[in-house]
Amino acid sequence: MLTVDVEIGQEFRSSIARAEQAVDRAITDAMQIAAMEAANAARQRAPYKTGTLRRSIEVIEQGPRQVAVGSRQPYAARIEFGFAGRDRLGRLYNQPAKPYLRPAIEETRQRMAQVFAEEVRRALGR
């Protein structure tokens, strides 16, 4: 039986650690780029009356490696999903959905994967 002991040098370990950090940064960068592209697509698709909804669409950081695209406007969900019924003031609505966010994300999904691949390749110098 043949036994081989391999010793990994400090230089190799340092190289691996640097590569790991570079990939982590690339993933974070890719998430921001992809989210901004989805936000821009959503702004273009959002219905326009006063422009408030379009201006309110943003990239919201929710934690490490976690971002969301959306609006903090109270009526944004009603526009996206529609609303039927009474609001808290008792007014009756039958508002049809005018999706802008979900189609924008679907529209940019393929580009998102491309951005991730490009950023990781760039980080690894390929």
C-alpha atoms as a PDB file:
ATOM      1  CA  MET A   1       0.000   0.000   0.000  1.00  0.00           C
ATOM      2  CA  LEU A   2       1.236   3.464  -0.906  1.00  0.00           C
ATOM      3  CA  THR A   3       0.628   6.414   1.399  1.00  0.00           C
ATOM      4  CA  VAL A   4       1.191   9.996   0.323  1.00  0.00           C
ATOM      5  CA  ASP A   5       1.233  12.927   2.704  1.00  0.00           C
ATOM      6  CA  VAL A   6       0.632  16.296   1.109  1.00  0.00           C
ATOM      7  CA  GLU A   7       1.592  19.422   2.931  1.00  0.00           C
ATOM      8  CA  ILE A   8      -0.156  22.620   1.888  1.00  0.00           C
ATOM      9  CA  GLY A   9       2.081  25.619   2.216  1.00  0.00           C
ATOM     10  CA  GLN A  10       1.152  28.962   3.711  1.00  0.00           C
ATOM     11  CA  GLU A  11       1.445  30.692   0.330  1.00  0.00           C
ATOM     12  CA  PHE A  12      -1.149  28.341  -1.180  1.00  0.00           C
ATOM     13  CA  ARG A  13      -3.495  28.873   1.771  1.00  0.00           C
ATOM     14  CA  SER A  14      -3.119  32.642   1.406  1.00  0.00           C
ATOM     15  CA  SER A  15      -3.903  32.408  -2.309  1.00  0.00           C
ATOM     16  CA  ILE A  16      -7.051  30.425  -1.593  1.00  0.00           C
ATOM     17  CA  ALA A  17      -8.134  32.950   1.068  1.00  0.00           C
ATOM     18  CA  ARG A  18      -7.581  35.865  -1.365  1.00  0.00           C
ATOM     19  CA  ALA A  19      -9.555  34.077  -4.076  1.00  0.00           C
ATOM     20  CA  GLU A  20     -12.390  33.422  -1.646  1.00  0.00           C
ATOM     21  CA  GLN A  21     -12.502  37.102  -0.648  1.00  0.00           C
ATOM     22  CA  ALA A  22     -12.435  38.163  -4.301  1.00  0.00           C
ATOM     23  CA  VAL A  23     -15.340  35.861  -5.129  1.00  0.00           C
ATOM     24  CA  ASP A  24     -17.303  37.139  -2.102  1.00  0.00           C
ATOM     25  CA  ARG A  25     -16.816  40.729  -3.299  1.00  0.00           C
ATOM     26  CA  ALA A  26     -17.760  39.715  -6.840  1.00  0.00           C
ATOM     27  CA  ILE A  27     -20.989  38.109  -5.637  1.00  0.00           C
ATOM     28  CA  THR A  28     -21.880  41.215  -3.621  1.00  0.00           C
ATOM     29  CA  ASP A  29     -21.102  43.449  -6.613  1.00  0.00           C
ATOM     30  CA  ALA A  30     -23.089  41.198  -8.956  1.00  0.00           C
ATOM     31  CA  MET A  31     -26.090  41.301  -6.624  1.00  0.00           C
ATOM     32  CA  GLN A  32     -26.020  45.106  -6.607  1.00  0.00           C
ATOM     33  CA  ILE A  33     -25.634  45.343 -10.389  1.00  0.00           C
ATOM     34  CA  ALA A  34     -28.385  42.793 -11.069  1.00  0.00           C
ATOM     35  CA  ALA A  35     -30.730  44.452  -8.574  1.00  0.00           C
ATOM     36  CA  MET A  36     -30.114  47.890 -10.112  1.00  0.00           C
ATOM     37  CA  GLU A  37     -30.894  46.523 -13.572  1.00  0.00           C
ATOM     38  CA  ALA A  38     -34.138  44.983 -12.275  1.00  0.00           C
ATOM     39  CA  ALA A  39     -35.026  48.262 -10.517  1.00  0.00           C
ATOM     40  CA  ASN A  40     -34.422  50.219 -13.729  1.00  0.00           C
ATOM     41  CA  ALA A  41     -36.617  47.809 -15.692  1.00  0.00           C
ATOM     42  CA  ALA A  42     -39.353  48.118 -13.027  1.00  0.00           C
ATOM     43  CA  ARG A  43     -39.175  51.936 -13.200  1.00  0.00           C
ATOM     44  CA  GLN A  44     -39.724  51.769 -16.947  1.00  0.00           C
ATOM     45  CA  ARG A  45     -42.698  49.422 -16.547  1.00  0.00           C
ATOM     46  CA  ALA A  46     -44.395  51.145 -13.586  1.00  0.00           C
ATOM     47  CA  PRO A  47     -47.565  53.015 -14.484  1.00  0.00           C
ATOM     48  CA  TYR A  48     -47.048  56.755 -14.597  1.00  0.00           C
ATOM     49  CA  LYS A  49     -49.443  59.272 -13.100  1.00  0.00           C
ATOM     50  CA  THR A  50     -47.311  61.579 -10.955  1.00  0.00           C
ATOM     51  CA  GLY A  51     -44.013  59.693 -11.169  1.00  0.00           C
ATOM     52  CA  THR A  52     -43.911  59.002  -7.424  1.00  0.00           C
ATOM     53  CA  LEU A  53     -44.096  55.223  -7.827  1.00  0.00           C
ATOM     54  CA  ARG A  54     -41.307  55.183 -10.421  1.00  0.00           C
ATOM     55  CA  ARG A  55     -39.073  57.390  -8.270  1.00  0.00           C
ATOM     56  CA  SER A  56     -39.726  55.232  -5.203  1.00  0.00           C
ATOM     57  CA  ILE A  57     -38.488  51.960  -6.734  1.00  0.00           C
ATOM     58  CA  GLU A  58     -35.182  51.132  -5.090  1.00  0.00           C
ATOM     59  CA  VAL A  59     -32.705  48.433  -4.191  1.00  0.00           C
ATOM     60  CA  ILE A  60     -33.131  47.615  -0.508  1.00  0.00           C
ATOM     61  CA  GLU A  61     -30.287  45.839   1.287  1.00  0.00           C
ATOM     62  CA  GLN A  62     -31.780  43.282   3.649  1.00  0.00           C
ATOM     63  CA  GLY A  63     -28.626  41.673   4.966  1.00  0.00           C
ATOM     64  CA  PRO A  64     -25.418  40.074   3.836  1.00  0.00           C
ATOM     65  CA  ARG A  65     -25.880  38.800   0.298  1.00  0.00           C
ATOM     66  CA  GLN A  66     -29.530  39.715   0.402  1.00  0.00           C
ATOM     67  CA  VAL A  67     -31.149  42.539  -1.544  1.00  0.00           C
ATOM     68  CA  ALA A  68     -34.679  43.295  -2.622  1.00  0.00           C
ATOM     69  CA  VAL A  69     -36.113  45.497  -5.328  1.00  0.00           C
ATOM     70  CA  GLY A  70     -39.303  47.299  -4.497  1.00  0.00           C
ATOM     71  CA  SER A  71     -41.050  50.408  -3.309  1.00  0.00           C
ATOM     72  CA  ARG A  72     -41.939  51.564   0.167  1.00  0.00           C
ATOM     73  CA  GLN A  73     -44.941  53.482  -1.138  1.00  0.00           C
ATOM     74  CA  PRO A  74     -48.060  52.199   0.620  1.00  0.00           C
ATOM     75  CA  TYR A  75     -49.957  51.761  -2.659  1.00  0.00           C
ATOM     76  CA  ALA A  76     -47.148  49.986  -4.581  1.00  0.00           C
ATOM     77  CA  ALA A  77     -48.496  46.502  -3.773  1.00  0.00           C
ATOM     78  CA  ARG A  78     -51.994  47.540  -4.883  1.00  0.00           C
ATOM     79  CA  ILE A  79     -50.638  48.583  -8.256  1.00  0.00           C
ATOM     80  CA  GLU A  80     -48.635  45.353  -8.649  1.00  0.00           C
ATOM     81  CA  PHE A  81     -51.298  42.897  -7.422  1.00  0.00           C
ATOM     82  CA  GLY A  82     -54.562  44.842  -7.688  1.00  0.00           C
ATOM     83  CA  PHE A  83     -57.066  45.415  -4.912  1.00  0.00           C
ATOM     84  CA  ALA A  84     -60.761  44.737  -4.486  1.00  0.00           C
ATOM     85  CA  GLY A  85     -62.626  45.713  -1.369  1.00  0.00           C
ATOM     86  CA  ARG A  86     -62.755  48.513   1.151  1.00  0.00           C
ATOM     87  CA  ASP A  87     -59.710  50.359   2.366  1.00  0.00           C
ATOM     88  CA  ARG A  88     -59.257  51.384   5.984  1.00  0.00           C
ATOM     89  CA  LEU A  89     -61.219  54.601   5.313  1.00  0.00           C
ATOM     90  CA  GLY A  90     -64.170  52.601   4.003  1.00  0.00           C
ATOM     91  CA  ARG A  91     -63.723  53.525   0.342  1.00  0.00           C
ATOM     92  CA  LEU A  92     -64.660  50.764  -2.090  1.00  0.00           C
ATOM     93  CA  TYR A  93     -62.095  49.759  -4.714  1.00  0.00           C
ATOM     94  CA  ASN A  94     -61.999  47.373  -7.631  1.00  0.00           C
ATOM     95  CA  GLN A  95     -58.508  48.151  -8.863  1.00  0.00           C
ATOM     96  CA  PRO A  96     -57.075  45.753 -11.449  1.00  0.00           C
ATOM     97  CA  ALA A  97     -53.460  44.658 -11.172  1.00  0.00           C
ATOM     98  CA  LYS A  98     -50.876  46.503 -13.246  1.00  0.00           C
ATOM     99  CA  PRO A  99     -47.788  44.355 -12.677  1.00  0.00           C
ATOM    100  CA  TYR A 100     -44.505  46.179 -13.126  1.00  0.00           C
ATOM    101  CA  LEU A 101     -42.075  44.551 -10.684  1.00  0.00           C
ATOM    102  CA  ARG A 102     -42.548  40.841 -11.391  1.00  0.00           C
ATOM    103  CA  PRO A 103     -42.347  41.297 -15.183  1.00  0.00           C
ATOM    104  CA  ALA A 104     -39.211  43.432 -14.755  1.00  0.00           C
ATOM    105  CA  ILE A 105     -37.540  40.705 -12.711  1.00  0.00           C
ATOM    106  CA  GLU A 106     -38.514  38.055 -15.263  1.00  0.00           C
ATOM    107  CA  GLU A 107     -37.270  40.316 -18.060  1.00  0.00           C
ATOM    108  CA  THR A 108     -33.852  40.723 -16.410  1.00  0.00           C
ATOM    109  CA  ARG A 109     -33.467  37.175 -15.013  1.00  0.00           C
ATOM    110  CA  GLN A 110     -31.205  35.965 -17.819  1.00  0.00           C
ATOM    111  CA  ARG A 111     -29.080  39.116 -17.583  1.00  0.00           C
ATOM    112  CA  MET A 112     -28.755  38.573 -13.805  1.00  0.00           C
ATOM    113  CA  ALA A 113     -27.135  35.166 -14.350  1.00  0.00           C
ATOM    114  CA  GLN A 114     -24.817  36.722 -16.928  1.00  0.00           C
ATOM    115  CA  VAL A 115     -23.790  39.500 -14.491  1.00  0.00           C
ATOM    116  CA  PHE A 116     -22.944  36.935 -11.792  1.00  0.00           C
ATOM    117  CA  ALA A 117     -20.823  34.900 -14.191  1.00  0.00           C
ATOM    118  CA  GLU A 118     -19.001  38.006 -15.489  1.00  0.00           C
ATOM    119  CA  GLU A 119     -18.240  39.335 -12.010  1.00  0.00           C
ATOM    120  CA  VAL A 120     -16.916  35.994 -10.714  1.00  0.00           C
ATOM    121  CA  ARG A 121     -14.782  35.529 -13.852  1.00  0.00           C
ATOM    122  CA  ARG A 122     -13.409  39.054 -13.410  1.00  0.00           C
ATOM    123  CA  ALA A 123     -12.621  38.384  -9.737  1.00  0.00           C
ATOM    124  CA  LEU A 124     -10.721  35.228 -10.644  1.00  0.00           C
ATOM    125  CA  GLY A 125      -8.876  36.986 -13.459  1.00  0.00           C
ATOM    126  CA  ARG A 126     -10.336  34.932 -16.278  1.00  0.00           C
END
